[in-house]
Amino acid sequence: MESEETHCGDILVVDDAATNQLLISSILSDAGHNVRVASNGVSALMLCEESPPDLILLDIRMPGIDGHEVCKLLKESKHTRGISVIFVTVSQEPEDKSRCFKLGAKDYITKPFEPIELRIKVHTHIRIRRLEEKLRQLTS
């Protein structure tokens, strides 16, 4: 069986609220993940181009480029389209949730969230990404 460490990944937290950045970073760093933060969509896109993370935790409502637009731009780029995106947002609107999935999000977590839910979902999506990478290597 694979060890827990093999599922730790490089995670980018994109949220304009410093308290949310700190909370999410603390939860995921304690779980062994490498966590980077961006406080807006432009910074997130630049960080993804420079060094694509395994997973992005993305807020919807941010000044400038909102989370929907960030996700859309990520999925349009050959360099970043494979990055898994989980929206972490206060919005519980069905329209927002539906739009996020249509844009290519892998999951959706509403704030406030339970830390265990965040850790489990992140772990699961990191594991899925690693398995997809292994499958691609086997089939190419």
Protein backbone atom coordinates (compact mmCIF):
# COMPACT_ATOMS: atom_id res chain seq x y z
CA MET A 1 0.00 0.00 0.00
CA GLU A 2 1.22 3.50 -0.82
CA SER A 3 2.26 5.75 2.05
CA GLU A 4 0.44 8.94 2.96
CA GLU A 5 3.46 11.01 1.88
CA THR A 6 3.07 9.93 -1.74
CA HIS A 7 -0.21 11.82 -1.84
CA CYS A 8 1.13 15.11 -0.51
CA GLY A 9 1.27 17.69 -3.21
CA ASP A 10 1.96 21.23 -4.26
CA ILE A 11 -1.17 23.27 -3.61
CA LEU A 12 -1.97 26.84 -4.60
CA VAL A 13 -4.54 28.64 -2.43
CA VAL A 14 -6.16 31.57 -4.24
CA ASP A 15 -8.18 33.79 -1.93
CA ASP A 16 -8.18 37.54 -1.33
CA ALA A 17 -8.78 37.13 2.43
CA ALA A 18 -5.58 36.67 4.43
CA THR A 19 -7.45 34.83 7.20
CA ASN A 20 -8.68 32.22 4.70
CA GLN A 21 -5.17 31.88 3.24
CA LEU A 22 -3.73 31.29 6.72
CA LEU A 23 -6.41 28.83 7.80
CA ILE A 24 -6.24 26.70 4.64
CA SER A 25 -2.44 26.85 4.52
CA SER A 26 -2.18 25.75 8.13
CA ILE A 27 -4.57 22.81 7.69
CA LEU A 28 -2.85 21.55 4.56
CA SER A 29 0.74 22.24 5.68
CA ASP A 30 0.05 20.22 8.82
CA ALA A 31 -1.09 17.39 6.52
CA GLY A 32 2.29 17.51 4.75
CA HIS A 33 1.41 19.49 1.64
CA ASN A 34 3.52 22.27 0.15
CA VAL A 35 1.22 25.30 0.11
CA ARG A 36 1.64 28.52 -1.86
CA VAL A 37 -0.82 31.43 -1.80
CA ALA A 38 -2.04 34.05 -4.21
CA SER A 39 -4.32 36.90 -3.19
CA ASN A 40 -5.81 37.51 -6.63
CA GLY A 41 -6.43 35.89 -9.99
CA VAL A 42 -3.58 37.58 -11.86
CA SER A 43 -1.01 36.38 -9.31
CA ALA A 44 -2.50 32.89 -9.43
CA LEU A 45 -2.22 32.70 -13.19
CA MET A 46 1.40 33.89 -13.11
CA LEU A 47 2.33 31.35 -10.42
CA CYS A 48 0.67 28.55 -12.40
CA GLU A 49 2.59 29.45 -15.55
CA GLU A 50 5.91 29.59 -13.67
CA SER A 51 5.43 26.39 -11.68
CA PRO A 52 2.12 24.54 -12.07
CA PRO A 53 0.77 23.16 -8.79
CA ASP A 54 -0.90 19.77 -8.43
CA LEU A 55 -4.08 21.37 -7.15
CA ILE A 56 -5.64 24.83 -6.85
CA LEU A 57 -8.08 25.85 -4.13
CA LEU A 58 -9.89 28.79 -5.67
CA ASP A 59 -12.30 31.35 -4.25
CA ILE A 60 -14.99 32.72 -6.58
CA ARG A 61 -15.43 36.27 -5.35
CA MET A 62 -12.20 38.23 -5.63
CA PRO A 63 -11.44 41.72 -6.92
CA GLY A 64 -10.28 41.96 -10.51
CA ILE A 65 -10.38 38.56 -12.14
CA ASP A 66 -12.85 36.38 -10.23
CA GLY A 67 -12.46 32.65 -9.67
CA HIS A 68 -14.69 31.72 -12.59
CA GLU A 69 -12.47 33.64 -15.01
CA VAL A 70 -9.29 32.21 -13.46
CA CYS A 71 -10.60 28.67 -13.91
CA LYS A 72 -11.66 29.41 -17.48
CA LEU A 73 -8.22 30.81 -18.36
CA LEU A 74 -6.45 27.87 -16.70
CA LYS A 75 -8.49 25.36 -18.66
CA GLU A 76 -7.89 27.21 -21.96
CA SER A 77 -4.11 27.01 -21.60
CA LYS A 78 -2.30 23.86 -22.72
CA HIS A 79 0.27 24.46 -19.97
CA THR A 80 -2.27 24.64 -17.09
CA ARG A 81 -5.39 22.78 -18.21
CA GLY A 82 -4.40 19.61 -16.35
CA ILE A 83 -4.28 21.31 -12.96
CA SER A 84 -7.11 20.16 -10.71
CA VAL A 85 -9.28 22.98 -9.34
CA ILE A 86 -11.43 22.85 -6.22
CA PHE A 87 -13.55 25.92 -5.54
CA VAL A 88 -13.61 26.94 -1.86
CA THR A 89 -16.16 29.70 -1.48
CA VAL A 90 -19.00 31.11 0.59
CA SER A 91 -21.40 30.85 -2.33
CA GLN A 92 -24.03 28.16 -1.97
CA GLU A 93 -25.86 29.30 -5.08
CA PRO A 94 -26.68 26.40 -7.43
CA GLU A 95 -25.80 28.62 -10.41
CA ASP A 96 -22.28 29.23 -9.07
CA LYS A 97 -21.74 25.56 -8.33
CA SER A 98 -23.00 24.53 -11.76
CA ARG A 99 -20.86 27.13 -13.50
CA CYS A 100 -17.75 25.97 -11.63
CA PHE A 101 -18.21 22.38 -12.76
CA LYS A 102 -18.93 23.47 -16.33
CA LEU A 103 -15.64 25.41 -16.29
CA GLY A 104 -13.77 22.25 -15.31
CA ALA A 105 -13.64 22.27 -11.52
CA LYS A 106 -13.13 18.88 -9.87
CA ASP A 107 -14.92 19.74 -6.62
CA TYR A 108 -16.68 22.45 -4.64
CA ILE A 109 -16.40 23.20 -0.91
CA THR A 110 -18.49 25.85 0.83
CA LYS A 111 -17.17 28.08 3.60
CA PRO A 112 -17.21 27.63 6.48
CA PHE A 113 -15.86 24.13 6.01
CA GLU A 114 -14.72 21.35 8.29
CA PRO A 115 -10.92 20.93 8.23
CA ILE A 116 -11.28 17.15 7.86
CA GLU A 117 -13.45 17.63 4.75
CA LEU A 118 -10.80 19.87 3.21
CA ARG A 119 -7.97 17.43 4.01
CA ILE A 120 -9.88 14.43 2.67
CA LYS A 121 -10.94 16.12 -0.56
CA VAL A 122 -7.45 17.47 -1.20
CA HIS A 123 -5.91 14.07 -0.47
CA THR A 124 -8.40 12.36 -2.80
CA HIS A 125 -7.79 14.75 -5.69
CA ILE A 126 -4.00 14.58 -5.28
CA ARG A 127 -4.25 10.78 -5.36
CA ILE A 128 -6.45 10.87 -8.48
CA ARG A 129 -3.95 13.20 -10.20
CA ARG A 130 -1.07 10.86 -9.40
CA LEU A 131 -2.99 7.85 -10.69
CA GLU A 132 -3.88 9.72 -13.90
CA GLU A 133 -0.17 10.56 -14.38
CA LYS A 134 0.77 6.88 -13.92
CA LEU A 135 -1.91 5.83 -16.40
CA ARG A 136 -0.66 8.35 -18.98
CA GLN A 137 2.88 7.00 -18.59
CA LEU A 138 1.70 3.44 -19.06
CA THR A 139 -0.30 4.24 -22.18
CA SER A 140 2.27 6.44 -23.94
